Protein backbone atom coordinates (compact mmCIF):
# COMPACT_ATOMS: atom_id res chain seq x y z
CA MET A 1 95.83 119.80 10.44
CA VAL A 2 92.28 121.10 10.14
CA GLN A 3 91.98 124.77 11.06
CA THR A 4 88.97 126.89 11.89
CA ASN A 5 87.57 128.90 8.98
CA THR A 6 84.41 130.39 10.46
CA VAL A 7 83.61 132.88 13.21
CA MET A 8 80.17 133.43 14.69
CA PHE A 9 79.76 136.77 16.47
CA GLY A 10 76.47 136.37 18.31
CA TRP A 11 74.21 138.30 20.66
CA ASN A 12 70.96 138.03 22.54
CA ARG A 13 69.34 141.48 22.46
CA ALA A 14 70.11 145.14 23.11
CA ILE A 15 70.51 146.24 26.70
CA PRO A 16 67.37 148.24 27.59
CA GLY A 17 68.01 151.94 27.00
CA ARG A 18 70.94 151.25 24.65
CA GLU A 19 68.97 150.19 21.59
CA GLY A 20 70.03 153.25 19.57
CA MET A 21 73.70 152.66 20.33
CA ALA A 22 73.28 149.00 19.40
CA ALA A 23 71.72 150.01 16.07
CA GLU A 24 74.61 152.39 15.35
CA LEU A 25 77.09 149.65 16.22
CA PHE A 26 75.28 147.26 13.86
CA ALA A 27 75.64 149.77 11.01
CA HIS A 28 79.31 150.32 11.85
CA THR A 29 79.91 146.56 11.94
CA VAL A 30 78.23 146.07 8.55
CA ASN A 31 80.51 148.75 7.06
CA TYR A 32 83.58 147.17 8.69
CA TYR A 33 82.82 143.68 7.37
CA THR A 34 82.00 145.11 3.93
CA GLN A 35 85.43 146.80 3.83
CA LEU A 36 87.15 143.60 4.94
CA LYS A 37 85.40 141.64 2.18
CA SER A 38 86.10 144.29 -0.47
CA SER A 39 89.81 144.37 0.40
CA GLY A 40 90.12 140.57 0.32
CA GLN A 41 90.78 140.25 4.04
CA LEU A 42 87.60 138.18 4.49
CA GLU A 43 86.00 135.63 2.15
CA SER A 44 82.39 136.31 3.13
CA TRP A 45 80.07 137.39 5.90
CA GLU A 46 76.36 137.64 6.54
CA PRO A 47 74.06 138.79 9.32
CA VAL A 48 71.50 136.32 10.64
CA PHE A 49 68.47 137.22 12.77
CA LEU A 50 66.77 134.27 14.43
CA ASN A 51 63.03 133.82 14.97
CA ARG A 52 61.78 133.80 18.54
CA HIS A 53 62.64 130.46 20.10
CA GLY A 54 62.96 131.05 23.84
CA GLY A 55 66.74 130.90 23.80
CA ASP A 56 69.40 133.49 24.43
CA LEU A 57 70.85 133.68 20.91
CA ASN A 58 68.78 135.98 18.72
CA GLY A 59 71.24 136.97 16.02
CA PHE A 60 74.78 136.66 14.76
CA PHE A 61 77.23 137.59 12.06
CA LEU A 62 78.76 134.60 10.31
CA LEU A 63 82.25 135.34 8.97
CA LYS A 64 84.13 132.99 6.66
CA GLY A 65 87.75 133.09 5.65
CA THR A 66 91.00 131.29 6.05
CA HIS A 67 92.24 130.60 9.54
CA GLU A 68 94.95 133.19 8.97
CA GLN A 69 92.48 135.84 7.76
CA LEU A 70 90.18 135.33 10.74
CA ASP A 71 93.06 135.26 13.22
CA THR A 72 94.38 138.54 11.81
CA ILE A 73 90.94 140.15 12.00
CA MET A 74 90.29 138.99 15.58
CA SER A 75 93.73 140.27 16.63
CA SER A 76 93.14 143.74 15.19
CA ASP A 77 92.43 146.86 17.24
CA GLU A 78 89.19 147.42 15.28
CA TRP A 79 87.88 143.94 16.21
CA VAL A 80 88.81 144.32 19.87
CA ASP A 81 87.14 147.74 20.02
CA LEU A 82 84.06 146.41 18.21
CA THR A 83 83.63 143.51 20.64
CA MET A 84 84.13 145.80 23.64
CA ARG A 85 81.45 148.17 22.34
CA ALA A 86 79.14 145.22 21.67
CA GLU A 87 79.48 144.11 25.30
CA GLN A 88 78.40 147.60 26.41
CA TYR A 89 75.28 147.67 24.19
CA LEU A 90 74.18 144.03 23.88
CA GLN A 91 73.35 141.16 26.19
CA GLY A 92 74.88 137.74 25.61
CA VAL A 93 77.73 138.70 23.30
CA GLY A 94 79.78 135.71 22.22
CA VAL A 95 82.45 134.94 19.67
CA ILE A 96 82.84 131.33 18.59
CA THR A 97 85.25 129.93 16.03
CA GLY A 98 84.26 126.92 13.99
CA TYR A 99 84.52 124.87 10.84
CA SER A 100 82.53 124.98 7.61
CA GLY A 101 82.68 124.07 3.97
CA SER A 102 85.42 121.88 2.60
CA VAL A 103 86.85 120.88 5.99
CA ILE A 104 83.63 119.20 7.16
CA PRO A 105 84.18 115.88 5.33
CA GLU A 106 87.64 115.55 6.88
CA LEU A 107 86.28 116.32 10.36
CA MET A 108 83.45 113.81 9.94
CA ASN A 109 85.91 111.19 8.74
CA ARG A 110 88.12 111.79 11.77
CA TRP A 111 85.08 111.73 14.09
CA THR A 112 83.77 108.43 12.73
CA LYS A 113 87.19 106.87 13.36
CA THR A 114 86.77 107.64 17.07
CA ILE A 115 83.44 105.79 17.42
CA PRO A 116 83.96 102.65 19.50
CA SER A 117 82.88 99.42 17.90
CA GLN A 118 79.48 98.10 19.05
CA ARG A 119 80.61 94.55 19.79
């Protein structure tokens, strides 16, 4: 069974008037993810800011770990509180689980098996 090993915590932009709170939350989140990585509870993470593109996703944190690590993190009180605060300060907050790294070849192999023949 292939399990998710990536979480994308994305946002659009700060709610007008709450930019300072959003900046404080960003700093708090960076510290939180740094602690998780340092303690071995998370394999890696990185912030990504996107260039202007007319869409509603302008940045995200990409977290990588085992399915169990990510499930534990997303079930924690700190994570729940962090996401609730994000919804108060940011527009378009979303959390998406996904696949990366070594599981991709297996997923592609499984996907190609589902392609109907072109007869």
